[in-house]
Amino acid sequence: MNIHSSSGVKRTAKDVIGKAKSLQKLDPHQKDDINKKAFDKFKKEHGVVPQADNATPSERFEGPCTDFTPWTTEEQKLLEQALKTYPVNTPERWEKIAEAVPGRTKKDCMKRYKELVEMVKAKKAAQEQVLNASRTKK
């Protein structure tokens, strides 16, 4: 836990669990506020510039011959952080996740998530095959 702290504050597992339990007792509006503040802090620390309120986001059009724009490392980090920030039971989860990744739509984020899930499943299946092959050789 402490190796990921940028503040240098040392916390025990007991401290973290206690804080998590106290946060679970909050009402949903407080949770949303806390999640938003945490995500804003993450964006600030990672040099992501939030879009201005009056800026119009670019649109992505999908057709039969769409030009796939690869995800940047920064977009990937933002998506992963947003997935952690907005758990499955969050109302309008994918809308919030898309807002957290500038330049990406809800559909883009959902599609990327599905791709990542498939990659993880494929990796686990490959590891399982390697383990099974090594067991049968013994």
N, C-alpha and C. Protein backbone atom coordinates (compact mmCIF):
# COMPACT_ATOMS: atom_id res chain seq x y z
N MET A 1 0.82 -1.20 0.00
CA MET A 1 0.00 0.00 0.00
C MET A 1 0.86 1.26 0.00
N ASN A 2 1.83 1.27 0.86
CA ASN A 2 2.60 2.49 1.06
C ASN A 2 3.54 2.81 -0.09
N ILE A 3 3.86 1.84 -0.92
CA ILE A 3 4.77 2.13 -2.04
C ILE A 3 4.09 2.99 -3.09
N HIS A 4 2.76 3.04 -3.08
CA HIS A 4 2.02 3.83 -4.06
C HIS A 4 1.69 5.24 -3.56
N SER A 5 2.03 5.53 -2.33
CA SER A 5 1.71 6.83 -1.74
C SER A 5 2.69 7.88 -2.21
N SER A 6 2.16 8.98 -2.74
CA SER A 6 3.04 10.07 -3.15
C SER A 6 3.21 11.09 -2.02
N SER A 7 2.36 11.00 -1.00
CA SER A 7 2.42 11.96 0.09
C SER A 7 3.44 11.57 1.16
N GLY A 8 3.85 10.31 1.16
CA GLY A 8 4.81 9.85 2.14
C GLY A 8 4.18 9.42 3.45
N VAL A 9 2.84 9.53 3.55
CA VAL A 9 2.15 9.13 4.76
C VAL A 9 2.04 7.61 4.78
N LYS A 10 2.46 7.01 5.89
CA LYS A 10 2.41 5.55 6.02
C LYS A 10 1.07 5.16 6.66
N ARG A 11 0.38 4.23 6.02
CA ARG A 11 -0.90 3.77 6.54
C ARG A 11 -0.85 2.25 6.70
N THR A 12 -1.51 1.78 7.75
CA THR A 12 -1.57 0.34 7.96
C THR A 12 -2.79 -0.20 7.23
N ALA A 13 -2.82 -1.51 7.07
CA ALA A 13 -3.98 -2.14 6.43
C ALA A 13 -5.24 -1.85 7.24
N LYS A 14 -5.09 -1.82 8.56
CA LYS A 14 -6.23 -1.54 9.44
C LYS A 14 -6.79 -0.13 9.18
N ASP A 15 -5.90 0.85 8.98
CA ASP A 15 -6.32 2.23 8.67
C ASP A 15 -7.13 2.27 7.38
N VAL A 16 -6.61 1.60 6.36
CA VAL A 16 -7.26 1.62 5.05
C VAL A 16 -8.62 0.93 5.11
N ILE A 17 -8.69 -0.20 5.77
CA ILE A 17 -9.96 -0.92 5.89
C ILE A 17 -10.98 -0.08 6.67
N GLY A 18 -10.53 0.56 7.74
CA GLY A 18 -11.42 1.42 8.52
C GLY A 18 -11.97 2.56 7.68
N LYS A 19 -11.12 3.18 6.88
CA LYS A 19 -11.56 4.28 6.02
C LYS A 19 -12.55 3.77 4.97
N ALA A 20 -12.27 2.62 4.39
CA ALA A 20 -13.17 2.05 3.38
C ALA A 20 -14.54 1.76 3.99
N LYS A 21 -14.55 1.23 5.19
CA LYS A 21 -15.84 0.94 5.85
C LYS A 21 -16.61 2.21 6.17
N SER A 22 -15.90 3.26 6.59
CA SER A 22 -16.59 4.51 6.90
C SER A 22 -17.14 5.15 5.63
N LEU A 23 -16.44 5.00 4.52
CA LEU A 23 -16.93 5.54 3.25
C LEU A 23 -18.16 4.79 2.75
N GLN A 24 -18.24 3.51 3.05
CA GLN A 24 -19.39 2.71 2.63
C GLN A 24 -20.67 3.18 3.31
N LYS A 25 -20.54 3.76 4.49
CA LYS A 25 -21.71 4.21 5.24
C LYS A 25 -22.27 5.53 4.75
N LEU A 26 -21.53 6.23 3.87
CA LEU A 26 -21.99 7.53 3.36
C LEU A 26 -23.17 7.36 2.41
N ASP A 27 -23.95 8.43 2.29
CA ASP A 27 -25.04 8.37 1.33
C ASP A 27 -24.48 8.51 -0.10
N PRO A 28 -25.23 8.10 -1.11
CA PRO A 28 -24.72 8.08 -2.50
C PRO A 28 -24.23 9.44 -3.00
N HIS A 29 -24.87 10.53 -2.58
CA HIS A 29 -24.44 11.85 -3.05
C HIS A 29 -23.06 12.20 -2.50
N GLN A 30 -22.82 11.85 -1.23
CA GLN A 30 -21.51 12.10 -0.65
C GLN A 30 -20.45 11.26 -1.35
N LYS A 31 -20.81 10.01 -1.66
CA LYS A 31 -19.87 9.13 -2.36
C LYS A 31 -19.50 9.71 -3.72
N ASP A 32 -20.50 10.20 -4.45
CA ASP A 32 -20.24 10.79 -5.76
C ASP A 32 -19.30 11.99 -5.65
N ASP A 33 -19.54 12.83 -4.63
CA ASP A 33 -18.68 14.01 -4.42
C ASP A 33 -17.25 13.59 -4.12
N ILE A 34 -17.10 12.61 -3.24
CA ILE A 34 -15.77 12.14 -2.86
C ILE A 34 -15.07 11.51 -4.07
N ASN A 35 -15.81 10.69 -4.83
CA ASN A 35 -15.22 10.08 -6.03
C ASN A 35 -14.78 11.13 -7.03
N LYS A 36 -15.60 12.16 -7.22
CA LYS A 36 -15.28 13.22 -8.18
C LYS A 36 -14.01 13.96 -7.73
N LYS A 37 -13.93 14.29 -6.44
CA LYS A 37 -12.75 14.98 -5.93
C LYS A 37 -11.50 14.12 -6.09
N ALA A 38 -11.63 12.84 -5.79
CA ALA A 38 -10.49 11.94 -5.93
C ALA A 38 -10.04 11.84 -7.38
N PHE A 39 -11.01 11.79 -8.27
CA PHE A 39 -10.67 11.67 -9.69
C PHE A 39 -10.05 12.97 -10.20
N ASP A 40 -10.57 14.11 -9.75
CA ASP A 40 -9.99 15.40 -10.13
C ASP A 40 -8.53 15.48 -9.67
N LYS A 41 -8.27 15.00 -8.46
CA LYS A 41 -6.91 15.00 -7.92
C LYS A 41 -6.02 14.10 -8.78
N PHE A 42 -6.54 12.95 -9.19
CA PHE A 42 -5.79 12.03 -10.05
C PHE A 42 -5.43 12.70 -11.37
N LYS A 43 -6.42 13.36 -11.98
CA LYS A 43 -6.19 14.03 -13.26
C LYS A 43 -5.13 15.13 -13.11
N LYS A 44 -5.21 15.86 -12.01
CA LYS A 44 -4.27 16.96 -11.77
C LYS A 44 -2.84 16.41 -11.61
N GLU A 45 -2.70 15.33 -10.86
CA GLU A 45 -1.38 14.74 -10.61
C GLU A 45 -0.77 14.14 -11.87
N HIS A 46 -1.62 13.71 -12.80
CA HIS A 46 -1.11 13.07 -14.01
C HIS A 46 -1.09 14.01 -15.19
N GLY A 47 -1.24 15.29 -14.94
CA GLY A 47 -1.08 16.28 -15.99
C GLY A 47 -2.19 16.31 -17.02
N VAL A 48 -3.35 15.82 -16.68
CA VAL A 48 -4.46 15.84 -17.63
C VAL A 48 -5.18 17.17 -17.47
N VAL A 49 -5.36 17.87 -18.56
CA VAL A 49 -6.04 19.15 -18.52
C VAL A 49 -7.53 18.92 -18.75
N PRO A 50 -8.39 19.26 -17.78
CA PRO A 50 -9.82 19.06 -17.99
C PRO A 50 -10.32 20.00 -19.09
N GLN A 51 -11.33 19.54 -19.81
CA GLN A 51 -11.89 20.36 -20.86
C GLN A 51 -12.64 21.53 -20.26
N ALA A 52 -12.55 22.67 -20.91
CA ALA A 52 -13.29 23.84 -20.45
C ALA A 52 -14.78 23.60 -20.64
N ASP A 53 -15.59 24.21 -19.77
CA ASP A 53 -17.03 23.99 -19.83
C ASP A 53 -17.63 24.44 -21.16
N ASN A 54 -17.06 25.47 -21.78
CA ASN A 54 -17.64 25.96 -23.01
C ASN A 54 -17.08 25.25 -24.25
N ALA A 55 -16.15 24.32 -24.06
CA ALA A 55 -15.56 23.61 -25.19
C ALA A 55 -16.54 22.55 -25.69
N THR A 56 -16.59 22.39 -26.98
CA THR A 56 -17.45 21.35 -27.54
C THR A 56 -16.58 20.14 -27.85
N PRO A 57 -16.95 18.99 -27.33
CA PRO A 57 -16.13 17.80 -27.56
C PRO A 57 -16.21 17.37 -29.02
N SER A 58 -15.15 16.75 -29.47
CA SER A 58 -15.17 16.24 -30.83
C SER A 58 -16.09 15.04 -30.91
N GLU A 59 -16.66 14.83 -32.08
CA GLU A 59 -17.56 13.70 -32.25
C GLU A 59 -16.86 12.60 -33.00
N ARG A 60 -17.24 11.39 -32.69
CA ARG A 60 -16.70 10.23 -33.40
C ARG A 60 -17.86 9.58 -34.14
N PHE A 61 -17.63 9.27 -35.36
CA PHE A 61 -18.66 8.64 -36.17
C PHE A 61 -18.21 7.24 -36.53
N GLU A 62 -19.11 6.31 -36.37
CA GLU A 62 -18.79 4.95 -36.73
C GLU A 62 -19.59 4.55 -37.95
N GLY A 63 -18.90 4.05 -38.91
CA GLY A 63 -19.54 3.58 -40.12
C GLY A 63 -18.88 2.29 -40.54
N PRO A 64 -19.17 1.82 -41.73
CA PRO A 64 -18.57 0.56 -42.16
C PRO A 64 -17.05 0.62 -42.24
N CYS A 65 -16.49 1.78 -42.56
CA CYS A 65 -15.04 1.90 -42.71
C CYS A 65 -14.49 2.92 -41.72
N THR A 66 -14.72 2.70 -40.46
CA THR A 66 -14.24 3.67 -39.47
C THR A 66 -12.74 3.55 -39.30
N ASP A 67 -12.13 4.68 -39.01
CA ASP A 67 -10.70 4.73 -38.76
C ASP A 67 -10.52 4.58 -37.25
N PHE A 68 -10.01 3.46 -36.80
CA PHE A 68 -9.86 3.20 -35.38
C PHE A 68 -8.72 4.03 -34.82
N THR A 69 -9.03 4.85 -33.83
CA THR A 69 -8.01 5.65 -33.17
C THR A 69 -7.53 4.89 -31.95
N PRO A 70 -6.26 4.51 -31.93
CA PRO A 70 -5.77 3.74 -30.79
C PRO A 70 -5.80 4.55 -29.49
N TRP A 71 -5.94 3.84 -28.40
CA TRP A 71 -5.98 4.48 -27.09
C TRP A 71 -4.56 4.85 -26.68
N THR A 72 -4.40 6.07 -26.19
CA THR A 72 -3.10 6.50 -25.69
C THR A 72 -2.90 5.94 -24.28
N THR A 73 -1.68 5.96 -23.82
CA THR A 73 -1.38 5.49 -22.47
C THR A 73 -2.15 6.34 -21.45
N GLU A 74 -2.22 7.64 -21.69
CA GLU A 74 -2.91 8.53 -20.76
C GLU A 74 -4.41 8.22 -20.74
N GLU A 75 -5.01 7.99 -21.91
CA GLU A 75 -6.43 7.64 -21.97
C GLU A 75 -6.68 6.33 -21.25
N GLN A 76 -5.76 5.38 -21.42
CA GLN A 76 -5.89 4.08 -20.75
C GLN A 76 -5.86 4.25 -19.23
N LYS A 77 -4.92 5.08 -18.75
CA LYS A 77 -4.83 5.34 -17.31
C LYS A 77 -6.12 5.97 -16.79
N LEU A 78 -6.63 6.94 -17.54
CA LEU A 78 -7.86 7.62 -17.12
C LEU A 78 -9.04 6.65 -17.10
N LEU A 79 -9.12 5.78 -18.10
CA LEU A 79 -10.20 4.78 -18.14
C LEU A 79 -10.09 3.86 -16.94
N GLU A 80 -8.90 3.35 -16.67
CA GLU A 80 -8.72 2.43 -15.54
C GLU A 80 -9.07 3.10 -14.22
N GLN A 81 -8.65 4.36 -14.05
CA GLN A 81 -8.95 5.08 -12.81
C GLN A 81 -10.46 5.32 -12.71
N ALA A 82 -11.10 5.66 -13.81
CA ALA A 82 -12.55 5.91 -13.80
C ALA A 82 -13.30 4.63 -13.47
N LEU A 83 -12.83 3.49 -13.97
CA LEU A 83 -13.48 2.21 -13.67
C LEU A 83 -13.40 1.91 -12.17
N LYS A 84 -12.27 2.29 -11.54
CA LYS A 84 -12.13 2.11 -10.10
C LYS A 84 -12.98 3.12 -9.33
N THR A 85 -13.03 4.35 -9.85
CA THR A 85 -13.74 5.43 -9.17
C THR A 85 -15.24 5.21 -9.18
N TYR A 86 -15.77 4.71 -10.29
CA TYR A 86 -17.21 4.51 -10.44
C TYR A 86 -17.50 3.02 -10.50
N PRO A 87 -17.79 2.40 -9.34
CA PRO A 87 -18.05 0.95 -9.31
C PRO A 87 -19.33 0.58 -10.06
N VAL A 88 -19.52 -0.71 -10.23
CA VAL A 88 -20.62 -1.24 -11.03
C VAL A 88 -21.99 -0.70 -10.63
N ASN A 89 -22.21 -0.48 -9.36
CA ASN A 89 -23.53 -0.05 -8.89
C ASN A 89 -23.75 1.46 -8.98
N THR A 90 -22.82 2.20 -9.57
CA THR A 90 -22.93 3.66 -9.71
C THR A 90 -23.99 3.99 -10.76
N PRO A 91 -24.97 4.86 -10.42
CA PRO A 91 -25.94 5.27 -11.43
C PRO A 91 -25.25 6.02 -12.57
N GLU A 92 -25.66 5.74 -13.79
CA GLU A 92 -25.09 6.37 -14.99
C GLU A 92 -23.57 6.22 -15.02
N ARG A 93 -23.11 5.03 -14.68
CA ARG A 93 -21.68 4.75 -14.57
C ARG A 93 -20.92 5.06 -15.85
N TRP A 94 -21.38 4.57 -16.97
CA TRP A 94 -20.62 4.73 -18.21
C TRP A 94 -20.60 6.17 -18.69
N GLU A 95 -21.64 6.93 -18.39
CA GLU A 95 -21.63 8.35 -18.74
C GLU A 95 -20.53 9.06 -17.95
N LYS A 96 -20.44 8.72 -16.67
CA LYS A 96 -19.43 9.34 -15.80
C LYS A 96 -18.02 8.93 -16.24
N ILE A 97 -17.87 7.67 -16.61
CA ILE A 97 -16.57 7.18 -17.07
C ILE A 97 -16.17 7.92 -18.34
N ALA A 98 -17.11 8.08 -19.27
CA ALA A 98 -16.81 8.77 -20.53
C ALA A 98 -16.43 10.23 -20.27
N GLU A 99 -17.08 10.86 -19.31
CA GLU A 99 -16.74 12.25 -18.96
C GLU A 99 -15.31 12.35 -18.44
N ALA A 100 -14.86 11.29 -17.79
CA ALA A 100 -13.53 11.29 -17.20
C ALA A 100 -12.41 11.06 -18.23
N VAL A 101 -12.78 10.60 -19.42
CA VAL A 101 -11.79 10.34 -20.47
C VAL A 101 -12.06 11.31 -21.62
N PRO A 102 -11.39 12.47 -21.62
CA PRO A 102 -11.64 13.47 -22.66
C PRO A 102 -11.42 12.90 -24.06
N GLY A 103 -12.36 13.22 -24.96
CA GLY A 103 -12.23 12.79 -26.35
C GLY A 103 -12.77 11.40 -26.63
N ARG A 104 -13.24 10.71 -25.61
CA ARG A 104 -13.79 9.36 -25.80
C ARG A 104 -15.26 9.36 -25.40
N THR A 105 -16.05 8.64 -26.17
CA THR A 105 -17.48 8.57 -25.90
C THR A 105 -17.78 7.40 -24.97
N LYS A 106 -19.01 7.35 -24.52
CA LYS A 106 -19.48 6.24 -23.68
C LYS A 106 -19.26 4.93 -24.43
N LYS A 107 -19.62 4.93 -25.71
CA LYS A 107 -19.49 3.73 -26.53
C LYS A 107 -18.02 3.31 -26.66
N ASP A 108 -17.12 4.29 -26.84
CA ASP A 108 -15.68 4.01 -26.93
C ASP A 108 -15.19 3.34 -25.65
N CYS A 109 -15.60 3.89 -24.52
CA CYS A 109 -15.15 3.37 -23.22
C CYS A 109 -15.66 1.95 -22.99
N MET A 110 -16.93 1.73 -23.32
CA MET A 110 -17.51 0.40 -23.15
C MET A 110 -16.81 -0.62 -24.06
N LYS A 111 -16.54 -0.20 -25.29
CA LYS A 111 -15.88 -1.09 -26.25
C LYS A 111 -14.47 -1.43 -25.77
N ARG A 112 -13.75 -0.43 -25.28
CA ARG A 112 -12.39 -0.65 -24.79
C ARG A 112 -12.40 -1.58 -23.58
N TYR A 113 -13.37 -1.39 -22.68
CA TYR A 113 -13.49 -2.24 -21.51
C TYR A 113 -13.69 -3.70 -21.93
N LYS A 114 -14.58 -3.91 -22.91
CA LYS A 114 -14.83 -5.28 -23.39
C LYS A 114 -13.57 -5.88 -24.01
N GLU A 115 -12.81 -5.06 -24.74
CA GLU A 115 -11.55 -5.54 -25.32
C GLU A 115 -10.58 -5.95 -24.22
N LEU A 116 -10.50 -5.14 -23.17
CA LEU A 116 -9.59 -5.45 -22.07
C LEU A 116 -10.00 -6.74 -21.36
N VAL A 117 -11.30 -6.91 -21.16
CA VAL A 117 -11.80 -8.13 -20.52
C VAL A 117 -11.41 -9.34 -21.36
N GLU A 118 -11.58 -9.25 -22.68
CA GLU A 118 -11.23 -10.35 -23.56
C GLU A 118 -9.73 -10.64 -23.51
N MET A 119 -8.91 -9.59 -23.47
CA MET A 119 -7.46 -9.79 -23.40
C MET A 119 -7.07 -10.50 -22.10
N VAL A 120 -7.70 -10.10 -20.99
CA VAL A 120 -7.40 -10.73 -19.70
C VAL A 120 -7.83 -12.19 -19.73
N LYS A 121 -9.01 -12.47 -20.29
CA LYS A 121 -9.48 -13.86 -20.38
C LYS A 121 -8.53 -14.70 -21.23
N ALA A 122 -8.08 -14.13 -22.36
CA ALA A 122 -7.17 -14.86 -23.25
C ALA A 122 -5.84 -15.14 -22.54
N LYS A 123 -5.36 -14.15 -21.79
CA LYS A 123 -4.10 -14.33 -21.07
C LYS A 123 -4.23 -15.42 -20.01
N LYS A 124 -5.35 -15.40 -19.27
CA LYS A 124 -5.57 -16.43 -18.25
C LYS A 124 -5.67 -17.81 -18.87
N ALA A 125 -6.36 -17.90 -20.01
CA ALA A 125 -6.51 -19.19 -20.70
C ALA A 125 -5.14 -19.70 -21.16
N ALA A 126 -4.31 -18.80 -21.67
CA ALA A 126 -2.97 -19.19 -22.12
C ALA A 126 -2.13 -19.67 -20.94
N GLN A 127 -2.23 -18.96 -19.82
CA GLN A 127 -1.48 -19.36 -18.62
C GLN A 127 -1.95 -20.72 -18.13
N GLU A 128 -3.26 -20.94 -18.20
CA GLU A 128 -3.84 -22.22 -17.78
C GLU A 128 -3.31 -23.36 -18.66
N GLN A 129 -3.21 -23.11 -19.96
CA GLN A 129 -2.70 -24.13 -20.88
C GLN A 129 -1.24 -24.45 -20.55
N VAL A 130 -0.46 -23.42 -20.27
CA VAL A 130 0.95 -23.65 -19.94
C VAL A 130 1.07 -24.46 -18.66
N LEU A 131 0.26 -24.11 -17.66
CA LEU A 131 0.28 -24.86 -16.39
C LEU A 131 -0.13 -26.30 -16.60
N ASN A 132 -1.18 -26.53 -17.36
CA ASN A 132 -1.67 -27.89 -17.62
C ASN A 132 -0.62 -28.70 -18.40
N ALA A 133 0.03 -28.05 -19.36
CA ALA A 133 1.06 -28.74 -20.15
C ALA A 133 2.24 -29.13 -19.27
N SER A 134 2.62 -28.23 -18.36
CA SER A 134 3.76 -28.55 -17.50
C SER A 134 3.40 -29.63 -16.48
N ARG A 135 2.15 -29.70 -16.07
CA ARG A 135 1.72 -30.73 -15.12
C ARG A 135 1.69 -32.11 -15.78
N THR A 136 1.29 -32.17 -17.03
CA THR A 136 1.20 -33.47 -17.71
C THR A 136 2.58 -34.02 -18.03
N LYS A 137 3.59 -33.17 -18.13
CA LYS A 137 4.96 -33.63 -18.42
C LYS A 137 5.58 -34.31 -17.21
N LYS A 138 5.11 -33.96 -16.02
CA LYS A 138 5.71 -34.49 -14.79
C LYS A 138 5.31 -35.89 -14.52
